Structures are given as structure tokens and as C-alpha cells.
Amino acid sequence: MFCDEIQEQELEHSRAIRANNEIGHNEYRFDISLVDGKFEHRNVYVTIEVDFWIYGVDLEHLNLKSMDTADFCKSLWEAAGRDTREYNGKAIELGRSIHSDVEI
């Protein structure tokens, strides 16, 4: 689906959303890509994975996203060769990590 095919208030009912499998808790995942045209053999310049909730988000949703963020940060931490014993995923989830401002 291209951006000029999306009508106001239609995204949640579009085939771009409904065609994707629900990943749980009324959450859907789909990709948004920047392309150079609508032709069949178009170039994709960048793709962003998006999580989309059709219904209201509650604290459980935010906790799940915080855990995902902490897991992603741990991968970066390990890839940078940092000591994993110093990594505190729970502090990242709660937004209280002493390493939040550390560039990796």
C-alpha cells in the first residue's frame, strides 16, 4: 500500500494492517519503506519496522516494549565488548539506568 492510497482514518482497517499477523495483545507489526516508485522492480532505500495497536494501549503494552528495548540495548552492549555483568536490563526498562547516557 502506498501513502497516496491511505484515506484519513483508514490505516487501522487497511490491508497493510489486516494482512499482517497479530503478534499478541492486539498488536500488529508492519514495515514502512521509502521506495523510488510504484513500479514492480523498485529500489527500497530504508525500511522501518512499526508496532501498531488497533485498540488502546495499556501498561502491559508499555512494559512489553520496555523489555524489548532492554533486550535490544543488551545486544548493543555485548557487541561493543562491554562486560555483561555491568548491564542492568531492569534499570533500562524502568528508565533509571546509570548507563542511559553512555554512548556505545
Protein backbone atom coordinates (compact mmCIF):
# COMPACT_ATOMS: atom_id res chain seq x y z
CA MET A 1 0.00 0.00 0.00
CA PHE A 2 1.37 3.40 -0.95
CA CYS A 3 0.83 6.57 1.06
CA ASP A 4 -1.48 8.07 -1.59
CA GLU A 5 -3.79 5.06 -1.16
CA ILE A 6 -4.39 5.67 2.55
CA GLN A 7 -7.55 7.56 3.37
CA GLU A 8 -7.96 9.55 6.57
CA GLN A 9 -8.96 7.24 9.46
CA GLU A 10 -8.40 4.19 7.25
CA LEU A 11 -4.96 2.91 8.29
CA GLU A 12 -6.22 0.58 11.01
CA HIS A 13 -8.67 -1.02 8.56
CA SER A 14 -6.28 -1.16 5.61
CA ARG A 15 -4.92 -4.32 4.07
CA ALA A 16 -1.45 -3.16 5.16
CA ILE A 17 -2.50 -3.74 8.76
CA ARG A 18 -5.04 -6.56 8.46
CA ALA A 19 -2.83 -8.63 6.16
CA ASN A 20 -0.16 -8.86 8.84
CA ASN A 21 -0.36 -11.36 11.63
CA GLU A 22 -1.26 -10.13 15.05
CA ILE A 23 1.76 -10.61 17.31
CA GLY A 24 -0.29 -10.56 20.51
CA HIS A 25 -2.21 -8.22 22.75
CA ASN A 26 -3.99 -6.57 19.79
CA GLU A 27 -0.59 -5.51 18.45
CA TYR A 28 0.33 -5.71 14.79
CA ARG A 29 3.73 -5.33 13.19
CA PHE A 30 4.33 -4.00 9.72
CA ASP A 31 7.09 -2.35 7.69
CA ILE A 32 7.16 1.15 6.25
CA SER A 33 9.60 1.55 3.37
CA LEU A 34 10.90 4.51 1.40
CA VAL A 35 10.93 3.48 -2.26
CA ASP A 36 11.64 5.21 -5.55
CA GLY A 37 8.32 4.42 -7.23
CA LYS A 38 5.34 2.12 -7.60
CA PHE A 39 6.84 0.02 -10.38
CA GLU A 40 7.48 -3.68 -9.82
CA HIS A 41 11.29 -3.55 -9.57
CA ARG A 42 11.55 -0.51 -7.31
CA ASN A 43 14.50 0.25 -5.06
CA VAL A 44 13.97 0.24 -1.31
CA TYR A 45 16.09 2.88 0.40
CA VAL A 46 15.12 2.30 4.02
CA THR A 47 12.62 0.17 5.95
CA ILE A 48 11.31 0.82 9.45
CA GLU A 49 9.51 -1.85 11.46
CA VAL A 50 6.44 -0.42 13.21
CA ASP A 51 4.31 -1.82 16.01
CA PHE A 52 0.67 -0.74 15.82
CA TRP A 53 -2.11 -1.20 18.34
CA ILE A 54 -5.63 -1.03 16.96
CA TYR A 55 -7.11 -0.66 20.42
CA GLY A 56 -5.93 1.47 23.30
CA VAL A 57 -2.56 0.78 24.82
CA ASP A 58 -2.30 -0.15 28.47
CA LEU A 59 0.55 -0.55 30.94
CA GLU A 60 1.14 -4.15 29.85
CA HIS A 61 1.89 -2.98 26.30
CA LEU A 62 4.37 -0.41 27.54
CA ASN A 63 6.07 -2.97 29.79
CA LEU A 64 6.49 -5.34 26.84
CA LYS A 65 8.04 -2.56 24.75
CA SER A 66 10.37 -1.64 27.62
CA MET A 67 11.55 -5.25 27.82
CA ASP A 68 12.15 -5.28 24.04
CA THR A 69 14.19 -2.09 24.36
CA ALA A 70 16.26 -3.52 27.20
CA ASP A 71 16.94 -6.71 25.19
CA PHE A 72 17.99 -4.65 22.16
CA CYS A 73 20.28 -2.49 24.31
CA LYS A 74 21.87 -5.63 25.76
CA SER A 75 22.71 -6.82 22.24
CA LEU A 76 24.42 -3.49 21.56
CA TRP A 77 26.21 -3.66 24.91
CA GLU A 78 27.57 -7.14 24.15
CA ALA A 79 28.51 -6.23 20.57
CA ALA A 80 30.52 -3.30 21.91
CA GLY A 81 32.54 -5.71 24.05
CA ARG A 82 31.24 -4.35 27.34
CA ASP A 83 31.07 -6.57 30.42
CA THR A 84 27.57 -8.07 30.52
CA ARG A 85 27.76 -8.30 34.32
CA GLU A 86 27.60 -4.48 34.36
CA TYR A 87 24.43 -4.42 32.26
CA ASN A 88 21.18 -3.93 34.18
CA GLY A 89 18.22 -4.62 31.89
CA LYS A 90 15.68 -3.92 34.63
CA ALA A 91 17.11 -0.42 35.16
CA ILE A 92 16.81 0.23 31.41
CA GLU A 93 13.18 -0.98 31.48
CA LEU A 94 12.38 1.40 34.31
CA GLY A 95 14.26 4.30 32.72
CA ARG A 96 16.71 4.55 35.62
CA SER A 97 19.91 3.13 34.22
CA ILE A 98 23.19 4.81 35.16
CA HIS A 99 24.29 3.87 31.63
CA SER A 100 21.47 5.65 29.84
CA ASP A 101 23.76 8.44 28.68
CA VAL A 102 26.70 6.17 27.81
CA GLU A 103 27.45 6.05 24.10
CA ILE A 104 28.23 2.57 22.80
